[in-house]
């Protein structure tokens, strides 16, 4: 489960300070203060560094959290993994964030450390901050504009990554630099979609939308004419697969994975546009070829047969379960 970490307080603080390197500790870290006198990385002099303890585990945040802090002015970030309950997961987050920086040709460095480095002998200890517990800048204290207009981070991990990558990328042609990094977002096709809307109703993150438009009202001489449109927003998709399981036509299919240049373009994709017909048997609207909807067509072809409902394992015995198509 991904934890939603709001980096806006830290970014506002970074904007008003000279700090250029951060040490990030998990919420379960036993002693973040131990890092306040450590010699870490090459992100600037000791007086320009700080320790931040997140409200969750590093393994449960999106890489966008680390990238947002880099975009806010941190020249380097070291993630302290001593005491982390899921060090492997945290390393994966750090590695993915570093991959984005490398692809964009950025000079900042994001790394991790398992062992507390040597301690500095001179100078004051670094400040230890919380995710939202940061000092108030003099600008904010006197009511002056802070110069930052930061939107609330999206709850969708992919959308949040897209937002920070747009912020960090150079002008012109930057999108293709990221295409070698997997997105984890599947492409979808729906060439045989009949407009049932089961996928859109099931999607837990509203990545699929089905709209119906009346083209002509019914008259005594003809039925009403309507159109359906199935739209996919890949930035919201978490690849849970629920839409594929419930499609009564098995029309939704995975295609090749989206690349970052397509995601950064930000436009929803129309998967299918079709006309809605009225079933000659039951009167329900459908987008199939022919006069019958999916259920009536099955029943006409198999009057004594049965079939598993959408989403059931194909290896199960439908006759033994005694199930038949339902609306």
Foldseek 3Di string as FASTA:
>chain_A
DADFFWQVLVLLVLLQDQAAEEEEEEPQDPCQLLLQFFDDDDRDDSARYAYEYEPHALLRHALLNVLVVVLSHHQEYEYECARGPCSVSNQVSQVLNQLLCVLQVHNGYYYYDDDGHDGDPDDDGHYYAYSNRDDDHPCVVVPHDSPDDDDTADPASLVNVLVSSVSPHDPDPSQVSQQVPADQFWDKAQAQFWQPCPLQVPDPQNQKDKDKAWPAPDDPVGHTKMKIWIKGFRSRDPPPCPSCQQRQVNRIDTDHGDGRSVNNVRDIDTRDMAMWAAAPPPRDTIGHPDRHDPQVVVCVVCVPDADDHGNDDPPDDCVVVVHHDDD
